[in-house]
């Protein structure tokens, strides 16, 4: 199912009719009205810095993800990927720097408005005692509902669409706690999509997934991006990042050491410098994208 970003006239009509969506939220935040540019420039972080205790985790990071693209955040363990996602999502507060989405400083958004603009699917799979899959996904609608407001027809249809998109229709009535780690991961994604974000953040979205589910998930993210969603995903697998991401950001020691298209970024020299392994970077015979072949130093 292809999703497209509505035009401004349709958005105004939707707002008048009470229909919710991420773009309408961006336009409808009277406490922090956007300028004329809207979210067209995508995600931009400037000189973002964060320490935990005495340890510098994120060190003056500049990061951009163009609107309507899939960005991959890659780097070794401890590079600062999860922390940077948390800073963008507002779960942590930066010591310095700014993070903007389009013309909007994300730190100025109230919590509820932020949850309508940004969704984060974390890699940890939390228990949701007693809830079935469709109920967990429906929790993504919370930022759009009043204190005592239940799901309306629009909300229920959207929740079902997110369940279908994540390949969970056959599990919709299963208890969340009985699912495997990979199945829970897909429920987390569906729940994030149900928030109708303009910016989707994912921490290791392919973790726990089998190969087919990994490819299906990343293909879905690409389809959503083509429909106007901006995506930033932390990935460990450089091969998947090279195959699916439009924009690569390489973190090492809390700093950005390279950024750009995969073919320009994931070079054998950079892979060796950052990950300490040898690799050949080839061209995929079907897609033309980079194909990474690791080489055992003992060979």
Protein backbone atom coordinates (compact mmCIF):
# COMPACT_ATOMS: atom_id res chain seq x y z
CA UNK A 1 0.00 0.00 0.00
CA UNK A 2 1.65 3.26 -1.14
CA UNK A 3 1.24 6.25 1.13
CA UNK A 4 1.55 9.78 -0.14
CA UNK A 5 1.89 13.12 1.58
CA UNK A 6 -1.34 15.13 1.25
CA UNK A 7 -1.28 18.51 -0.46
CA UNK A 8 -1.85 21.69 1.61
CA UNK A 9 -5.49 22.14 0.47
CA UNK A 10 -6.35 18.58 1.48
CA UNK A 11 -4.62 19.13 4.81
CA UNK A 12 -6.66 22.20 5.55
CA UNK A 13 -9.85 20.32 4.70
CA UNK A 14 -8.79 17.41 6.91
CA UNK A 15 -8.10 19.70 9.84
CA UNK A 16 -11.49 21.30 9.49
CA UNK A 17 -13.09 17.84 9.48
CA UNK A 18 -11.10 16.70 12.51
CA UNK A 19 -8.92 14.23 10.58
CA UNK A 20 -5.50 13.85 12.11
CA UNK A 21 -2.10 13.37 10.50
CA UNK A 22 1.56 14.33 10.98
CA UNK A 23 1.56 17.12 8.43
CA UNK A 24 -1.63 18.60 9.89
CA UNK A 25 0.00 18.49 13.32
CA UNK A 26 3.02 20.37 12.03
CA UNK A 27 0.75 23.08 10.67
CA UNK A 28 -1.64 23.15 13.59
CA UNK A 29 0.73 23.75 16.52
CA UNK A 30 -0.30 27.29 17.38
CA UNK A 31 2.18 27.46 20.26
CA UNK A 32 5.05 27.12 17.79
CA UNK A 33 3.86 28.10 14.32
CA UNK A 34 6.05 26.95 11.43
CA UNK A 35 7.54 29.24 8.87
CA UNK A 36 6.83 28.99 5.18
CA UNK A 37 9.34 26.21 4.53
CA UNK A 38 7.50 23.48 6.44
CA UNK A 39 9.36 20.17 6.85
CA UNK A 40 10.80 20.32 3.32
CA UNK A 41 14.44 20.31 4.48
CA UNK A 42 14.07 17.19 6.62
CA UNK A 43 15.99 16.43 9.81
CA UNK A 44 18.99 18.55 10.77
CA UNK A 45 21.07 18.32 13.92
CA UNK A 46 23.79 20.90 14.52
CA UNK A 47 26.71 20.46 16.93
CA UNK A 48 24.71 18.12 19.17
CA UNK A 49 26.62 17.23 22.32
CA UNK A 50 25.68 14.90 25.17
CA UNK A 51 27.50 13.57 28.21
CA UNK A 52 26.45 10.94 30.74
CA UNK A 53 28.35 11.34 33.98
CA UNK A 54 31.95 11.99 32.97
CA UNK A 55 31.63 10.23 29.64
CA UNK A 56 31.15 12.14 26.39
CA UNK A 57 28.68 10.07 24.34
CA UNK A 58 27.77 12.38 21.44
CA UNK A 59 30.46 14.86 20.46
CA UNK A 60 29.39 17.93 18.43
CA UNK A 61 27.45 15.86 15.90
CA UNK A 62 26.05 17.37 12.73
CA UNK A 63 23.46 15.12 11.07
CA UNK A 64 21.02 15.57 8.20
CA UNK A 65 18.38 13.29 6.69
CA UNK A 66 16.57 14.74 3.66
CA UNK A 67 12.79 14.72 3.85
CA UNK A 68 11.20 11.67 2.26
CA UNK A 69 14.33 9.54 2.46
CA UNK A 70 15.66 6.59 4.46
CA UNK A 71 18.71 7.48 6.53
CA UNK A 72 20.85 4.77 8.07
CA UNK A 73 22.84 5.48 11.23
CA UNK A 74 25.72 3.01 11.35
CA UNK A 75 28.76 2.51 13.56
CA UNK A 76 30.37 0.06 15.98
CA UNK A 77 28.85 -0.80 19.35
CA UNK A 78 29.15 2.18 21.68
CA UNK A 79 29.41 4.69 18.84
CA UNK A 80 26.42 6.67 20.16
CA UNK A 81 23.71 5.56 17.70
CA UNK A 82 20.96 4.80 20.23
CA UNK A 83 21.79 7.89 22.26
CA UNK A 84 21.58 10.11 19.19
CA UNK A 85 18.16 8.67 18.35
CA UNK A 86 17.03 9.37 21.92
CA UNK A 87 18.25 12.95 21.63
CA UNK A 88 16.29 13.47 18.41
CA UNK A 89 13.22 11.86 19.95
CA UNK A 90 13.47 14.04 23.08
CA UNK A 91 14.01 11.13 25.50
CA UNK A 92 17.35 12.72 26.40
CA UNK A 93 18.19 16.42 26.46
CA UNK A 94 21.34 17.54 24.65
CA UNK A 95 23.95 19.53 26.57
CA UNK A 96 24.48 21.69 23.50
CA UNK A 97 23.37 22.03 19.90
CA UNK A 98 19.99 21.98 18.20
CA UNK A 99 17.85 19.45 16.37
CA UNK A 100 15.36 20.71 13.82
CA UNK A 101 12.82 19.11 11.54
CA UNK A 102 12.21 21.45 8.67
CA UNK A 103 11.97 24.90 10.25
CA UNK A 104 10.95 23.54 13.66
CA UNK A 105 13.27 23.33 16.68
CA UNK A 106 12.16 19.99 18.13
CA UNK A 107 13.20 20.93 21.66
CA UNK A 108 10.45 23.58 21.75
CA UNK A 109 7.63 21.12 21.05
CA UNK A 110 5.40 20.10 23.92
CA UNK A 111 5.52 16.39 24.67
CA UNK A 112 2.13 15.65 23.11
CA UNK A 113 2.90 17.57 19.94
CA UNK A 114 6.31 15.92 19.70
CA UNK A 115 4.63 12.49 19.85
CA UNK A 116 2.49 13.49 16.87
CA UNK A 117 5.53 14.51 14.84
CA UNK A 118 8.13 11.89 15.89
CA UNK A 119 7.75 8.18 16.54
CA UNK A 120 10.54 5.98 17.91
CA UNK A 121 10.51 2.20 17.55
CA UNK A 122 13.12 1.01 20.02
CA UNK A 123 15.05 -2.25 19.76
CA UNK A 124 14.04 -3.34 23.25
CA UNK A 125 10.86 -5.39 23.25
CA UNK A 126 8.84 -4.53 26.34
CA UNK A 127 6.09 -6.60 27.85
CA UNK A 128 2.55 -5.28 27.54
CA UNK A 129 0.79 -7.56 30.04
CA UNK A 130 -2.61 -8.83 28.92
CA UNK A 131 -2.75 -6.77 25.73
CA UNK A 132 -3.34 -8.26 22.32
CA UNK A 133 -1.39 -7.18 19.27
CA UNK A 134 -4.10 -4.90 17.89
CA UNK A 135 -4.41 -3.22 21.30
CA UNK A 136 -0.65 -2.57 21.49
CA UNK A 137 -0.66 -1.07 18.00
CA UNK A 138 -3.65 1.09 18.95
CA UNK A 139 -1.54 2.66 21.73
CA UNK A 140 0.16 4.58 18.93
CA UNK A 141 -3.01 6.64 18.57
CA UNK A 142 -2.74 7.96 22.15
CA UNK A 143 -1.12 11.32 21.20
CA UNK A 144 -4.07 12.05 18.90
CA UNK A 145 -6.84 11.27 21.40
CA UNK A 146 -8.36 13.26 24.24
CA UNK A 147 -8.08 12.13 27.85
CA UNK A 148 -11.26 10.04 27.75
CA UNK A 149 -11.60 9.63 24.01
CA UNK A 150 -11.78 6.18 22.46
CA UNK A 151 -10.75 5.12 18.99
CA UNK A 152 -12.91 6.47 16.20
CA UNK A 153 -13.54 4.95 12.79
CA UNK A 154 -10.48 6.71 11.34
CA UNK A 155 -8.26 5.45 14.18
CA UNK A 156 -9.44 1.85 13.88
CA UNK A 157 -8.91 1.85 10.12
CA UNK A 158 -5.42 3.30 10.55
CA UNK A 159 -4.49 0.73 13.20
CA UNK A 160 -5.62 -2.07 10.87
CA UNK A 161 -3.60 -0.60 8.01
CA UNK A 162 -0.47 -0.48 10.18
CA UNK A 163 -1.03 -4.08 11.27
CA UNK A 164 -1.38 -5.13 7.64
CA UNK A 165 1.68 -3.14 6.54
CA UNK A 166 3.81 -4.81 9.23
CA UNK A 167 2.61 -8.26 8.19
CA UNK A 168 0.82 -8.89 11.47
CA UNK A 169 -2.77 -9.58 10.35
CA UNK A 170 -2.52 -13.23 11.37
CA UNK A 171 -1.27 -12.22 14.82
CA UNK A 172 -3.70 -9.35 15.53
CA UNK A 173 -5.59 -11.24 18.24
CA UNK A 174 -2.56 -12.90 19.84
CA UNK A 175 -1.37 -11.73 23.25
CA UNK A 176 1.73 -9.58 22.84
CA UNK A 177 3.52 -11.45 25.62
CA UNK A 178 3.31 -14.74 23.71
CA UNK A 179 5.13 -13.42 20.63
CA UNK A 180 8.72 -14.06 19.65
CA UNK A 181 11.28 -11.26 19.77
CA UNK A 182 11.03 -10.72 16.01
CA UNK A 183 7.24 -10.60 16.11
CA UNK A 184 7.34 -8.06 18.93
CA UNK A 185 9.78 -6.00 16.90
CA UNK A 186 7.25 -5.80 14.09
CA UNK A 187 4.49 -4.84 16.54
CA UNK A 188 6.74 -2.02 17.80
CA UNK A 189 7.07 -0.80 14.22
CA UNK A 190 3.31 -0.95 13.63
CA UNK A 191 2.69 0.94 16.85
CA UNK A 192 5.12 3.67 15.76
CA UNK A 193 3.43 3.91 12.35
CA UNK A 194 0.06 4.27 14.07
CA UNK A 195 1.33 7.57 15.53
CA UNK A 196 1.31 8.96 11.97
CA UNK A 197 4.69 10.59 12.43
CA UNK A 198 6.39 12.88 9.95
CA UNK A 199 9.73 11.60 11.27
CA UNK A 200 10.17 7.89 12.07
CA UNK A 201 13.14 6.80 14.18
CA UNK A 202 14.06 3.14 14.55
CA UNK A 203 16.70 1.52 16.75
CA UNK A 204 17.84 -1.72 15.11
CA UNK A 205 14.51 -2.45 13.39
CA UNK A 206 15.87 -5.68 11.89
CA UNK A 207 17.04 -7.05 15.25
CA UNK A 208 15.49 -10.49 15.99
CA UNK A 209 14.06 -10.72 12.46
CA UNK A 210 14.69 -13.52 9.98
CA UNK A 211 16.03 -12.64 6.55
CA UNK A 212 12.64 -12.39 4.84
CA UNK A 213 11.25 -10.17 7.60
CA UNK A 214 14.36 -7.95 7.46
CA UNK A 215 13.94 -7.36 3.73
CA UNK A 216 10.18 -6.84 4.05
CA UNK A 217 10.65 -4.31 6.86
CA UNK A 218 13.28 -2.28 5.03
CA UNK A 219 11.24 -2.37 1.81
CA UNK A 220 8.27 -0.99 3.76
CA UNK A 221 10.42 1.83 5.14
CA UNK A 222 11.52 2.69 1.61
CA UNK A 223 7.91 2.74 0.42
CA UNK A 224 6.88 4.98 3.31
CA UNK A 225 9.76 7.34 2.56
CA UNK A 226 8.69 7.59 -1.07
CA UNK A 227 5.28 8.61 0.27
CA UNK A 228 6.84 11.53 2.18
CA UNK A 229 7.91 10.05 5.53
CA UNK A 230 11.43 10.84 6.76
CA UNK A 231 13.14 7.79 8.27
CA UNK A 232 16.28 7.43 10.38
CA UNK A 233 17.21 3.90 11.42
CA UNK A 234 20.19 2.69 13.42
CA UNK A 235 21.50 -0.45 11.72
CA UNK A 236 24.34 -2.84 12.54
CA UNK A 237 24.27 -4.62 9.20
CA UNK A 238 26.23 -2.55 6.69
CA UNK A 239 24.97 -4.73 3.85
CA UNK A 240 21.35 -3.86 4.62
CA UNK A 241 22.23 -0.18 5.07
CA UNK A 242 23.98 -0.15 1.69
CA UNK A 243 21.08 -1.95 0.02
CA UNK A 244 18.21 0.15 1.33
CA UNK A 245 19.32 3.53 2.70
CA UNK A 246 19.30 6.71 0.63
CA UNK A 247 21.63 8.46 3.06
CA UNK A 248 24.30 6.95 5.35
CA UNK A 249 25.63 8.55 8.54
CA UNK A 250 28.66 6.84 10.09
CA UNK A 251 29.25 7.39 13.81
CA UNK A 252 32.51 6.49 15.52
CA UNK A 253 33.45 7.49 19.04
CA UNK A 254 30.43 9.78 19.25
CA UNK A 255 31.36 11.74 16.15
CA UNK A 256 30.18 11.70 12.54
CA UNK A 257 33.12 10.51 10.44
CA UNK A 258 31.30 10.21 7.11
CA UNK A 259 27.89 10.97 5.62
CA UNK A 260 26.30 10.75 2.21
CA UNK A 261 25.14 8.15 -0.34
CA UNK A 262 26.22 4.59 0.40
CA UNK A 263 28.48 4.33 -2.64
CA UNK A 264 30.44 7.40 -1.54
CA UNK A 265 30.44 6.62 2.17
CA UNK A 266 30.96 2.89 2.73
CA UNK A 267 34.40 2.54 1.20
CA UNK A 268 36.87 -0.26 2.05
CA UNK A 269 39.13 2.31 3.72
CA UNK A 270 36.37 3.69 5.96
CA UNK A 271 35.12 0.22 6.89
CA UNK A 272 38.64 -0.74 7.96
CA UNK A 273 39.23 2.50 9.89
CA UNK A 274 35.89 2.37 11.75
CA UNK A 275 35.18 -1.34 12.20
CA UNK A 276 38.73 -2.71 11.97
CA UNK A 277 37.87 -5.26 9.29
CA UNK A 278 38.84 -5.70 5.66
CA UNK A 279 36.13 -5.60 3.02
CA UNK A 280 35.69 -5.35 -0.70
CA UNK A 281 32.88 -3.09 -1.89
CA UNK A 282 31.40 -4.37 -5.13
CA UNK A 283 28.44 -3.37 -7.28
CA UNK A 284 25.32 -5.48 -6.90
CA UNK A 285 24.66 -7.08 -10.31
CA UNK A 286 20.91 -6.40 -10.13
CA UNK A 287 20.47 -3.18 -8.16
CA UNK A 288 23.76 -1.40 -8.79
CA UNK A 289 24.00 -0.63 -5.07
CA UNK A 290 27.14 -1.34 -3.03
CA UNK A 291 27.63 -4.98 -2.05
CA UNK A 292 29.99 -5.49 0.88
CA UNK A 293 32.12 -8.65 1.01
CA UNK A 294 34.13 -9.07 4.20
CA UNK A 295 37.60 -10.59 4.09
CA UNK A 296 39.10 -12.69 6.87
CA UNK A 297 42.47 -11.22 7.85
CA UNK A 298 43.80 -14.76 8.14
CA UNK A 299 43.27 -15.37 4.42
